[in-house]
Amino acid sequence: MDFVPTPSKETLRILLACWAGLFMILSLAQWHSKRAVGVPLAYAFSLSLLHFPGALCYSMDYYSPRSPILVYNGASLTNTFCGFYVSTVALASFVFGVLACSILFPVKNSSPIPVSKIYPAIGSRLPGTMLLTALISFVILVPTIGRIPSFGAVTLAGAALGIVAIFLFAYRANLRGNSFAFWKWVFSAGGFPMVTLVTMGFANSGTQAALTVWMFVYRLYRPRVLALLGLCCLLFAAMTFYVNYMRERDSIRSAVWGQRALSTRLQAMQDMTRHFQFFNPYNHSHLESLDSRLNQNDLVGKAVIHIASGRVDFGRGGTLYAAAVAWVPRILWPNKPSTGGSGSMVSRFTGQVFSNSTSVGVGQVLEFYVNWGLTSVILGFVLYGILMRYLDERAAIGLVDGDYWRFCRWVLPAMGLLQSGGSFSEVVGTCAANTVLVTLLHQFYFKQFYNTTPQLSRQSNRPSPIQTYRGSK
């Protein structure tokens, strides 16, 4: 723990400024890249929601936790500071990896004659087909065959096609200059968390889906000043949604998990709007809501202190075993060993005990740190940034050429990496399921269109220009 500066609110404010600067560097790199979709930005923003609000709370002179639960769990400036310091190092390493990827793995030029020019349906009809597939997967397949081992992950991957479809609808609308349709699809992404709340009682997965769409839009939208303004509004809206959700969370989950009628579930959600409050940084209860669930720094800091005290040793790669076997479907390996959940891992390295009903996400910062310390955080996030940028660049080629299936083939596996609060076993499992889905679809249907284009593609060496949103100056 000698590497951590002395905890103080002043130093914490400096770290917050560094975090904002790193995010701005990543934004500039993605904006100026001719091939980028925005997957690294989506991850960085998701990571920010887990670490930035909690640190922001403790940077305010008038804030200290008073809630009995927070006090009992040992929430403190020291824990948050130590955790946020490690998280800032992680973000810096991630940004470095993203920037280094283009140098280490330069992407080849896109096809002179994209498949979308020969088969226009690849660009015009695919978004609607993907949206329909996502609805069928979420409404029919997930509740039925989704319960079968290994099939559940693939059906959820099918539901994730809806994220890609919504973005493509917005992208196409803006290319045509249809502002009404563009904003209609952009705001429709806000329905993702509402759907997951009504059906599952959780907002996390739906919120991540909506943020993915919005960060893809943020990457491409111009003028940049409005994009930055929209990003600030998005952060404020996320914290506003969260404090209102936390206030009504128990009643919503009681209605959903109690299998009550849809009208009862919707009534519970309406209470969020009936007692709606904008996020107020001077409202102590709002800050404690953020501190309780949007402060992953607390757990990271506890792990740093717990390991430094000698009460537990580093995992030395042991926690990554679950990720190493997560890609193997249980249907092929019925006796695949079960490796405890995130909660047991967090308890082991932080010393904090959680009830069985509490959902605890370990997150990449914590999981990297507990293996080999700050060294594994730096190396791990550099590699994570390289991998994410590698997939992002290749997805962008399809987007630029109007080859939306090629875009989907690369972006869907990349989206599996966006679980900033999950364990590596969950990340690997999701990436594997997404990859299996697009591979099967390509082999059994889309491959026929690509086999007819190679010779036509050699007829021209004309590069494909990058497309950006209209209305930009």
Protein backbone atom coordinates (compact mmCIF):
# COMPACT_ATOMS: atom_id res chain seq x y z
CA MET A 1 0.00 0.00 0.00
CA ASP A 2 3.08 2.23 -0.02
CA PHE A 3 2.27 3.22 -3.60
CA VAL A 4 -0.96 5.02 -2.55
CA PRO A 5 -0.64 8.74 -1.69
CA THR A 6 -1.96 10.02 1.63
CA PRO A 7 -5.77 10.02 1.42
CA SER A 8 -7.35 13.47 1.43
CA LYS A 9 -10.25 15.24 -0.23
CA GLU A 10 -7.88 17.59 -2.05
CA THR A 11 -5.90 14.73 -3.58
CA LEU A 12 -9.15 12.96 -4.44
CA ARG A 13 -10.23 16.03 -6.44
CA ILE A 14 -6.96 15.84 -8.37
CA LEU A 15 -7.65 12.19 -9.17
CA LEU A 16 -11.16 13.11 -10.35
CA ALA A 17 -9.64 15.70 -12.70
CA CYS A 18 -7.18 13.08 -13.98
CA TRP A 19 -10.06 10.68 -14.61
CA ALA A 20 -11.95 13.32 -16.59
CA GLY A 21 -8.78 14.13 -18.54
CA LEU A 22 -8.20 10.48 -19.41
CA PHE A 23 -11.77 10.14 -20.65
CA MET A 24 -11.29 13.25 -22.77
CA ILE A 25 -8.07 11.84 -24.27
CA LEU A 26 -9.93 8.66 -25.17
CA SER A 27 -12.77 10.70 -26.69
CA LEU A 28 -10.37 12.73 -28.82
CA ALA A 29 -8.61 9.57 -30.01
CA GLN A 30 -11.91 7.97 -31.00
CA TRP A 31 -13.21 11.15 -32.63
CA HIS A 32 -10.12 11.53 -34.79
CA SER A 33 -9.92 7.88 -35.75
CA LYS A 34 -11.21 7.06 -39.20
CA ARG A 35 -12.23 3.63 -37.97
CA ALA A 36 -14.00 3.57 -34.63
CA VAL A 37 -17.43 2.59 -33.42
CA GLY A 38 -17.10 3.61 -29.78
CA VAL A 39 -16.81 0.32 -27.89
CA PRO A 40 -13.84 1.58 -25.79
CA LEU A 41 -15.83 4.72 -24.96
CA ALA A 42 -18.81 2.63 -23.90
CA TYR A 43 -16.57 0.62 -21.57
CA ALA A 44 -14.85 3.70 -20.15
CA PHE A 45 -18.21 5.33 -19.40
CA SER A 46 -19.52 2.14 -17.79
CA LEU A 47 -16.37 1.96 -15.67
CA SER A 48 -16.81 5.62 -14.79
CA LEU A 49 -20.32 5.02 -13.45
CA LEU A 50 -18.92 2.44 -11.03
CA HIS A 51 -16.06 4.56 -9.75
CA PHE A 52 -16.53 8.28 -10.49
CA PRO A 53 -19.79 9.02 -8.54
CA GLY A 54 -18.53 7.41 -5.33
CA ALA A 55 -15.26 9.35 -5.48
CA LEU A 56 -17.21 12.52 -6.27
CA CYS A 57 -19.22 12.09 -3.06
CA TYR A 58 -16.14 11.87 -0.85
CA SER A 59 -14.46 14.83 -2.60
CA MET A 60 -17.14 17.14 -1.16
CA ASP A 61 -16.14 18.77 2.12
CA TYR A 62 -19.59 18.34 3.65
CA TYR A 63 -19.98 14.61 2.95
CA SER A 64 -19.28 11.72 5.28
CA PRO A 65 -21.38 8.55 5.49
CA ARG A 66 -24.01 8.55 8.25
CA SER A 67 -26.21 5.67 7.11
CA PRO A 68 -26.08 2.77 9.61
CA ILE A 69 -25.45 0.31 6.78
CA LEU A 70 -22.55 2.33 5.33
CA VAL A 71 -21.04 2.90 8.78
CA TYR A 72 -21.41 -0.79 9.67
CA ASN A 73 -19.71 -1.82 6.42
CA GLY A 74 -16.80 0.51 7.09
CA ALA A 75 -17.34 3.02 4.29
CA SER A 76 -14.68 5.72 4.57
CA LEU A 77 -12.63 8.27 2.69
CA THR A 78 -9.54 6.06 3.06
CA ASN A 79 -11.17 3.06 1.38
CA THR A 80 -12.64 5.14 -1.45
CA PHE A 81 -9.39 7.03 -2.02
CA CYS A 82 -7.26 3.86 -2.20
CA GLY A 83 -9.74 2.20 -4.53
CA PHE A 84 -10.12 5.22 -6.79
CA TYR A 85 -6.35 5.61 -7.06
CA VAL A 86 -6.02 2.03 -8.31
CA SER A 87 -9.02 2.57 -10.63
CA THR A 88 -7.46 5.70 -12.12
CA VAL A 89 -4.29 3.73 -12.85
CA ALA A 90 -6.52 1.11 -14.49
CA LEU A 91 -8.24 3.69 -16.70
CA ALA A 92 -4.89 5.20 -17.72
CA SER A 93 -3.62 1.73 -18.66
CA PHE A 94 -6.79 1.02 -20.62
CA VAL A 95 -6.47 4.28 -22.59
CA PHE A 96 -2.83 3.47 -23.33
CA GLY A 97 -3.84 0.03 -24.63
CA VAL A 98 -6.50 1.56 -26.90
CA LEU A 99 -3.99 4.04 -28.33
CA ALA A 100 -1.30 1.38 -28.77
CA CYS A 101 -3.55 -1.07 -30.61
CA SER A 102 -3.59 0.84 -33.89
CA ILE A 103 0.20 0.82 -33.93
CA LEU A 104 0.59 -2.83 -32.98
CA PHE A 105 -2.25 -4.18 -35.14
CA PRO A 106 -2.86 -1.84 -38.09
CA VAL A 107 -6.16 -2.59 -39.77
CA LYS A 108 -6.27 -3.35 -43.49
CA ASN A 109 -8.17 -1.17 -45.90
CA SER A 110 -11.83 -1.96 -46.32
CA SER A 111 -13.06 -3.82 -49.39
CA PRO A 112 -13.15 -1.55 -52.47
CA ILE A 113 -16.55 -2.98 -53.38
CA PRO A 114 -18.35 -3.87 -50.12
CA VAL A 115 -20.86 -6.68 -50.11
CA SER A 116 -23.58 -4.13 -49.32
CA LYS A 117 -23.11 -2.64 -52.81
CA ILE A 118 -23.84 -6.01 -54.41
CA TYR A 119 -26.54 -7.08 -51.96
CA PRO A 120 -28.21 -3.88 -50.68
CA ALA A 121 -30.46 -5.91 -48.35
CA ILE A 122 -27.41 -6.45 -46.11
CA GLY A 123 -27.69 -2.77 -45.29
CA SER A 124 -31.39 -2.01 -45.66
CA ARG A 125 -33.18 -5.01 -44.16
CA LEU A 126 -30.73 -6.32 -41.60
CA PRO A 127 -31.52 -3.88 -38.73
CA GLY A 128 -35.20 -4.77 -38.79
CA THR A 129 -34.42 -8.48 -38.93
CA MET A 130 -32.06 -8.16 -35.97
CA LEU A 131 -34.64 -6.25 -33.94
CA LEU A 132 -37.27 -8.91 -34.63
CA THR A 133 -34.76 -11.64 -33.68
CA ALA A 134 -33.98 -9.83 -30.45
CA LEU A 135 -37.66 -9.58 -29.52
CA ILE A 136 -38.22 -13.28 -30.24
CA SER A 137 -35.14 -14.20 -28.20
CA PHE A 138 -36.10 -12.06 -25.20
CA VAL A 139 -39.82 -12.83 -25.12
CA ILE A 140 -39.90 -16.48 -26.23
CA LEU A 141 -36.49 -18.16 -26.25
CA VAL A 142 -34.95 -16.82 -23.02
CA PRO A 143 -37.87 -17.95 -20.78
CA THR A 144 -38.04 -21.40 -22.46
CA ILE A 145 -34.92 -22.97 -23.98
CA GLY A 146 -32.85 -20.33 -22.20
CA ARG A 147 -33.09 -22.50 -19.09
CA ILE A 148 -31.11 -25.28 -20.78
CA PRO A 149 -27.37 -25.13 -19.94
CA SER A 150 -25.36 -23.28 -22.61
CA PHE A 151 -28.50 -22.38 -24.59
CA GLY A 152 -29.29 -19.60 -22.12
CA ALA A 153 -26.14 -17.65 -22.99
CA VAL A 154 -26.80 -17.91 -26.73
CA THR A 155 -30.44 -16.79 -26.39
CA LEU A 156 -29.27 -13.79 -24.37
CA ALA A 157 -26.81 -13.05 -27.16
CA GLY A 158 -29.77 -13.07 -29.53
CA ALA A 159 -31.51 -10.53 -27.32
CA ALA A 160 -28.37 -8.35 -27.48
CA LEU A 161 -28.94 -7.99 -31.23
CA GLY A 162 -31.56 -5.42 -30.27
CA ILE A 163 -28.83 -3.06 -29.09
CA VAL A 164 -27.09 -3.27 -32.47
CA ALA A 165 -30.40 -2.86 -34.30
CA ILE A 166 -31.44 0.29 -32.40
CA PHE A 167 -28.08 1.91 -33.10
CA LEU A 168 -28.21 1.00 -36.80
CA PHE A 169 -31.70 2.46 -37.14
CA ALA A 170 -30.46 5.72 -35.61
CA TYR A 171 -27.32 5.65 -37.74
CA ARG A 172 -29.25 5.15 -40.99
CA ALA A 173 -31.82 7.81 -40.09
CA ASN A 174 -29.13 10.41 -39.60
CA LEU A 175 -27.34 9.47 -42.81
CA ARG A 176 -30.61 10.18 -44.59
CA GLY A 177 -30.96 13.48 -42.73
CA ASN A 178 -34.13 12.37 -40.93
CA SER A 179 -33.64 14.07 -37.55
CA PHE A 180 -37.01 13.03 -36.18
CA ALA A 181 -36.36 9.33 -36.82
CA PHE A 182 -32.81 9.67 -35.51
CA TRP A 183 -33.84 11.11 -32.14
CA LYS A 184 -36.78 8.72 -31.95
CA TRP A 185 -34.42 5.75 -32.07
CA VAL A 186 -31.86 7.37 -29.78
CA PHE A 187 -34.44 8.01 -27.06
CA SER A 188 -36.05 4.61 -27.58
CA ALA A 189 -32.88 3.06 -26.13
CA GLY A 190 -34.05 4.44 -22.80
CA GLY A 191 -36.68 1.71 -22.84
CA PHE A 192 -34.07 -1.00 -22.21
CA PRO A 193 -33.78 -0.43 -18.43
CA MET A 194 -37.56 -0.11 -18.13
CA VAL A 195 -38.05 -3.49 -19.82
CA THR A 196 -35.51 -5.25 -17.61
CA LEU A 197 -37.03 -3.62 -14.52
CA VAL A 198 -40.54 -4.84 -15.34
CA THR A 199 -39.46 -8.35 -16.36
CA MET A 200 -36.51 -9.09 -14.04
CA GLY A 201 -36.50 -6.45 -11.30
CA PHE A 202 -33.01 -5.31 -12.25
CA ALA A 203 -31.92 -2.17 -14.09
CA ASN A 204 -28.23 -3.01 -14.57
CA SER A 205 -28.37 -4.97 -17.83
CA GLY A 206 -30.93 -2.63 -19.38
CA THR A 207 -28.93 0.42 -18.37
CA GLN A 208 -25.79 -1.06 -19.92
CA ALA A 209 -27.70 -1.70 -23.16
CA ALA A 210 -28.95 1.89 -23.31
CA LEU A 211 -25.51 3.33 -22.50
CA THR A 212 -23.94 1.25 -25.26
CA VAL A 213 -26.26 2.77 -27.87
CA TRP A 214 -25.73 6.29 -26.54
CA MET A 215 -21.94 6.00 -26.42
CA PHE A 216 -21.88 4.78 -30.02
CA VAL A 217 -23.87 7.89 -30.91
CA TYR A 218 -21.53 10.05 -28.79
CA ARG A 219 -18.56 8.74 -30.77
CA LEU A 220 -20.02 9.75 -34.14
CA TYR A 221 -22.18 12.77 -33.40
CA ARG A 222 -21.17 16.28 -34.45
CA PRO A 223 -20.69 19.07 -33.53
CA ARG A 224 -18.42 17.79 -30.77
CA VAL A 225 -19.44 20.53 -28.35
CA LEU A 226 -22.99 19.21 -28.35
CA ALA A 227 -21.67 15.67 -27.93
CA LEU A 228 -19.77 16.73 -24.80
CA LEU A 229 -22.80 18.57 -23.48
CA GLY A 230 -24.88 15.46 -24.11
CA LEU A 231 -22.33 13.34 -22.25
CA CYS A 232 -22.54 15.59 -19.17
CA CYS A 233 -26.34 15.43 -19.33
CA LEU A 234 -26.13 11.65 -19.64
CA LEU A 235 -24.00 11.38 -16.49
CA PHE A 236 -26.42 13.62 -14.59
CA ALA A 237 -29.41 11.65 -15.91
CA ALA A 238 -27.79 8.35 -14.88
CA MET A 239 -27.29 9.56 -11.30
CA THR A 240 -30.82 11.00 -11.25
CA PHE A 241 -32.30 7.71 -12.44
CA TYR A 242 -30.27 5.82 -9.90
CA VAL A 243 -31.32 7.78 -6.80
CA ASN A 244 -34.97 7.44 -7.81
CA TYR A 245 -34.57 3.76 -8.61
CA MET A 246 -32.88 3.03 -5.28
CA ARG A 247 -35.74 4.70 -3.41
CA GLU A 248 -38.35 2.45 -5.04
CA ARG A 249 -36.19 -0.61 -5.70
CA ASP A 250 -37.65 -2.83 -2.97
CA SER A 251 -41.25 -2.26 -4.01
CA ILE A 252 -40.42 -2.87 -7.68
CA ARG A 253 -38.60 -6.11 -6.94
CA SER A 254 -41.38 -7.25 -4.61
CA ALA A 255 -43.89 -6.84 -7.45
CA VAL A 256 -41.67 -8.51 -10.06
CA TRP A 257 -40.29 -11.38 -8.00
CA GLY A 258 -43.72 -11.97 -6.49
CA GLN A 259 -45.02 -12.73 -10.01
CA ARG A 260 -47.66 -10.05 -9.68
CA ALA A 261 -49.71 -8.72 -12.58
CA LEU A 262 -48.11 -6.40 -15.11
CA SER A 263 -50.34 -3.54 -13.94
CA THR A 264 -48.97 -3.93 -10.40
CA ARG A 265 -45.40 -3.86 -11.67
CA LEU A 266 -46.07 -0.76 -13.73
CA GLN A 267 -47.71 0.88 -10.72
CA ALA A 268 -44.56 0.25 -8.68
CA MET A 269 -42.50 1.87 -11.43
CA GLN A 270 -44.85 4.84 -11.59
CA ASP A 271 -43.92 5.61 -8.01
CA MET A 272 -40.50 6.55 -9.35
CA THR A 273 -42.08 9.36 -11.37
CA ARG A 274 -44.67 10.29 -8.75
CA HIS A 275 -41.93 11.06 -6.21
CA PHE A 276 -39.35 12.03 -8.82
CA GLN A 277 -36.31 14.02 -7.68
CA PHE A 278 -33.43 15.39 -9.70
CA PHE A 279 -30.01 14.44 -8.38
CA ASN A 280 -28.88 17.06 -5.88
CA PRO A 281 -25.21 17.00 -4.75
CA TYR A 282 -26.27 18.82 -1.56
CA ASN A 283 -28.85 16.17 -0.68
CA HIS A 284 -27.09 13.84 1.75
CA SER A 285 -29.45 10.93 1.09
CA HIS A 286 -28.71 11.18 -2.64
CA LEU A 287 -24.98 11.03 -1.99
CA GLU A 288 -25.41 8.03 0.28
CA SER A 289 -27.40 6.26 -2.44
CA LEU A 290 -24.46 6.71 -4.80
CA ASP A 291 -22.01 5.70 -2.10
CA SER A 292 -23.90 2.49 -1.36
CA ARG A 293 -23.99 1.02 -4.88
CA LEU A 294 -22.03 3.23 -7.31
CA ASN A 295 -18.79 3.23 -5.35
CA GLN A 296 -16.79 0.21 -6.42
CA ASN A 297 -13.76 2.06 -5.06
CA ASP A 298 -14.84 1.06 -1.56
CA LEU A 299 -14.38 -2.64 -2.29
CA VAL A 300 -11.14 -2.11 -4.21
CA GLY A 301 -9.77 0.00 -1.35
CA LYS A 302 -10.74 -2.61 1.22
CA ALA A 303 -8.93 -5.26 -0.83
CA VAL A 304 -5.81 -3.08 -1.04
CA ILE A 305 -5.79 -2.58 2.74
CA HIS A 306 -6.77 -6.19 3.55
CA ILE A 307 -3.98 -7.65 1.41
CA ALA A 308 -1.43 -5.10 2.68
CA SER A 309 -2.25 -6.11 6.27
CA GLY A 310 -1.13 -9.66 5.53
CA ARG A 311 -4.48 -11.22 6.45
CA VAL A 312 -4.81 -12.64 2.94
CA ASP A 313 -2.30 -13.23 0.17
CA PHE A 314 -2.63 -12.31 -3.51
CA GLY A 315 -4.60 -14.76 -5.62
CA ARG A 316 -1.67 -15.16 -8.04
CA GLY A 317 -3.93 -16.00 -10.96
CA GLY A 318 -6.23 -18.29 -9.04
CA THR A 319 -9.29 -16.09 -9.55
CA LEU A 320 -8.79 -16.24 -13.32
CA TYR A 321 -9.35 -19.99 -13.46
CA ALA A 322 -13.10 -19.53 -13.81
CA ALA A 323 -12.49 -17.28 -16.82
CA ALA A 324 -10.11 -19.83 -18.34
CA VAL A 325 -12.86 -22.48 -18.50
CA ALA A 326 -15.89 -20.21 -18.92
CA TRP A 327 -15.77 -20.43 -22.73
CA VAL A 328 -16.38 -24.21 -22.61
CA PRO A 329 -20.15 -24.83 -22.81
CA ARG A 330 -21.52 -26.85 -19.92
CA ILE A 331 -23.46 -28.92 -22.44
CA LEU A 332 -20.06 -30.23 -23.66
CA TRP A 333 -18.56 -30.42 -20.16
CA PRO A 334 -21.41 -31.38 -17.79
CA ASN A 335 -19.03 -31.80 -14.84
CA LYS A 336 -17.33 -28.46 -15.35
CA PRO A 337 -16.30 -27.32 -11.84
CA SER A 338 -18.34 -24.56 -10.26
CA THR A 339 -16.16 -21.70 -9.08
CA GLY A 340 -17.90 -19.51 -6.49
CA GLY A 341 -19.60 -16.29 -7.44
CA SER A 342 -18.32 -12.74 -7.26
CA GLY A 343 -19.61 -12.36 -3.70
CA SER A 344 -17.36 -15.12 -2.31
CA MET A 345 -14.36 -13.70 -4.15
CA VAL A 346 -15.00 -10.20 -2.84
CA SER A 347 -15.48 -11.46 0.72
CA ARG A 348 -12.22 -13.37 0.60
CA PHE A 349 -10.09 -10.42 -0.43
CA THR A 350 -11.89 -7.58 1.37
CA GLY A 351 -12.85 -9.32 4.61
CA GLN A 352 -16.42 -8.05 4.25
CA VAL A 353 -19.21 -10.59 4.59
CA PHE A 354 -22.33 -10.28 2.44
CA SER A 355 -25.74 -11.87 2.86
CA ASN A 356 -26.83 -14.51 0.36
CA SER A 357 -29.47 -12.13 -1.03
CA THR A 358 -26.92 -9.41 -1.84
CA SER A 359 -25.60 -9.24 -5.40
CA VAL A 360 -21.95 -8.19 -5.46
CA GLY A 361 -20.03 -7.55 -8.66
CA VAL A 362 -16.28 -7.99 -8.44
CA GLY A 363 -15.39 -5.81 -11.44
CA GLN A 364 -12.21 -5.90 -13.50
CA VAL A 365 -10.25 -3.44 -11.32
CA LEU A 366 -10.70 -5.53 -8.19
CA GLU A 367 -10.18 -8.88 -9.91
CA PHE A 368 -6.97 -7.77 -11.61
CA TYR A 369 -5.62 -6.24 -8.37
CA VAL A 370 -6.20 -9.25 -6.11
CA ASN A 371 -4.08 -11.47 -8.38
CA TRP A 372 -0.72 -9.68 -8.49
CA GLY A 373 -1.38 -6.17 -7.26
CA LEU A 374 -0.89 -2.98 -9.24
CA THR A 375 1.30 -4.78 -11.80
CA SER A 376 -1.56 -7.00 -12.92
CA VAL A 377 -3.90 -3.98 -13.02
CA ILE A 378 -1.59 -2.16 -15.42
CA LEU A 379 -0.82 -5.11 -17.68
CA GLY A 380 -4.38 -6.42 -17.58
CA PHE A 381 -6.00 -3.14 -18.58
CA VAL A 382 -3.45 -2.49 -21.32
CA LEU A 383 -4.35 -5.86 -22.86
CA TYR A 384 -8.05 -5.19 -22.30
CA GLY A 385 -7.74 -1.89 -24.16
CA ILE A 386 -5.84 -3.51 -27.03
CA LEU A 387 -8.43 -6.26 -27.43
CA MET A 388 -11.37 -3.89 -27.30
CA ARG A 389 -9.85 -1.50 -29.83
CA TYR A 390 -8.92 -4.40 -32.12
CA LEU A 391 -12.56 -5.50 -32.32
CA ASP A 392 -13.80 -1.91 -32.51
CA GLU A 393 -11.69 -1.04 -35.56
CA ARG A 394 -12.84 -4.05 -37.51
CA ALA A 395 -16.47 -3.44 -36.67
CA ALA A 396 -16.07 0.13 -37.94
CA ILE A 397 -15.06 -1.10 -41.40
CA GLY A 398 -18.43 -2.74 -41.84
CA LEU A 399 -20.24 0.33 -40.54
CA VAL A 400 -18.39 2.63 -42.93
CA ASP A 401 -19.06 0.40 -45.94
CA GLY A 402 -22.71 -0.09 -45.09
CA ASP A 403 -21.98 -3.79 -44.53
CA TYR A 404 -24.02 -4.06 -41.35
CA TRP A 405 -23.57 -7.79 -40.99
CA ARG A 406 -19.79 -7.42 -40.90
CA PHE A 407 -20.30 -4.67 -38.32
CA CYS A 408 -22.46 -6.99 -36.25
CA ARG A 409 -19.99 -9.90 -36.50
CA TRP A 410 -17.29 -7.82 -34.82
CA VAL A 411 -19.24 -5.54 -32.52
CA LEU A 412 -21.37 -8.20 -30.81
CA PRO A 413 -18.37 -10.12 -29.37
CA ALA A 414 -16.84 -6.75 -28.39
CA MET A 415 -20.01 -5.87 -26.50
CA GLY A 416 -19.42 -8.91 -24.30
CA LEU A 417 -16.41 -7.07 -22.88
CA LEU A 418 -18.51 -4.17 -21.59
CA GLN A 419 -19.41 -5.77 -18.24
CA SER A 420 -17.19 -3.51 -16.15
CA GLY A 421 -18.79 -4.68 -12.90
CA GLY A 422 -18.78 -8.40 -13.66
CA SER A 423 -16.22 -11.12 -13.14
CA PHE A 424 -13.96 -12.34 -15.93
CA SER A 425 -15.84 -15.63 -16.06
CA GLU A 426 -19.00 -13.67 -16.92
CA VAL A 427 -17.13 -11.58 -19.50
CA VAL A 428 -15.59 -14.61 -21.21
CA GLY A 429 -18.89 -16.50 -21.13
CA THR A 430 -20.77 -13.62 -22.74
CA CYS A 431 -18.10 -13.04 -25.40
CA ALA A 432 -18.09 -16.75 -26.22
CA ALA A 433 -21.89 -16.88 -26.54
CA ASN A 434 -21.96 -13.78 -28.74
CA THR A 435 -19.19 -15.19 -30.93
CA VAL A 436 -20.95 -18.54 -31.28
CA LEU A 437 -24.17 -16.81 -32.33
CA VAL A 438 -22.65 -14.65 -35.07
CA THR A 439 -20.45 -17.52 -36.27
CA LEU A 440 -23.43 -19.84 -36.67
CA LEU A 441 -25.48 -17.17 -38.44
CA HIS A 442 -22.58 -16.43 -40.77
CA GLN A 443 -21.83 -20.07 -41.60
CA PHE A 444 -25.44 -21.07 -42.21
CA TYR A 445 -26.71 -17.95 -44.00
CA PHE A 446 -24.56 -14.88 -44.58
CA LYS A 447 -21.43 -16.63 -45.87
CA GLN A 448 -23.05 -17.18 -49.27
CA PHE A 449 -23.10 -13.42 -49.95
CA TYR A 450 -19.43 -12.94 -49.11
CA ASN A 451 -18.20 -15.84 -51.24
CA THR A 452 -19.35 -14.00 -54.38
CA THR A 453 -17.49 -10.75 -53.78
CA PRO A 454 -13.69 -11.38 -53.74
CA GLN A 455 -13.07 -11.04 -57.47
CA LEU A 456 -15.33 -8.02 -57.73
CA SER A 457 -13.49 -6.44 -54.82
CA ARG A 458 -10.17 -6.61 -56.71
CA GLN A 459 -11.50 -4.48 -59.53
CA SER A 460 -11.09 -1.27 -57.60
CA ASN A 461 -8.58 0.18 -55.16
CA ARG A 462 -10.81 3.04 -54.14
CA PRO A 463 -10.72 3.51 -50.32
CA SER A 464 -14.03 3.90 -48.50
CA PRO A 465 -14.39 7.25 -46.73
CA ILE A 466 -15.53 7.40 -43.12
CA GLN A 467 -19.12 8.52 -42.63
CA THR A 468 -20.22 10.75 -39.78
CA TYR A 469 -23.54 12.05 -38.65
CA ARG A 470 -25.17 14.72 -40.76
CA GLY A 471 -25.92 18.10 -39.36
CA SER A 472 -22.29 18.43 -38.35
CA LYS A 473 -20.11 21.30 -39.29
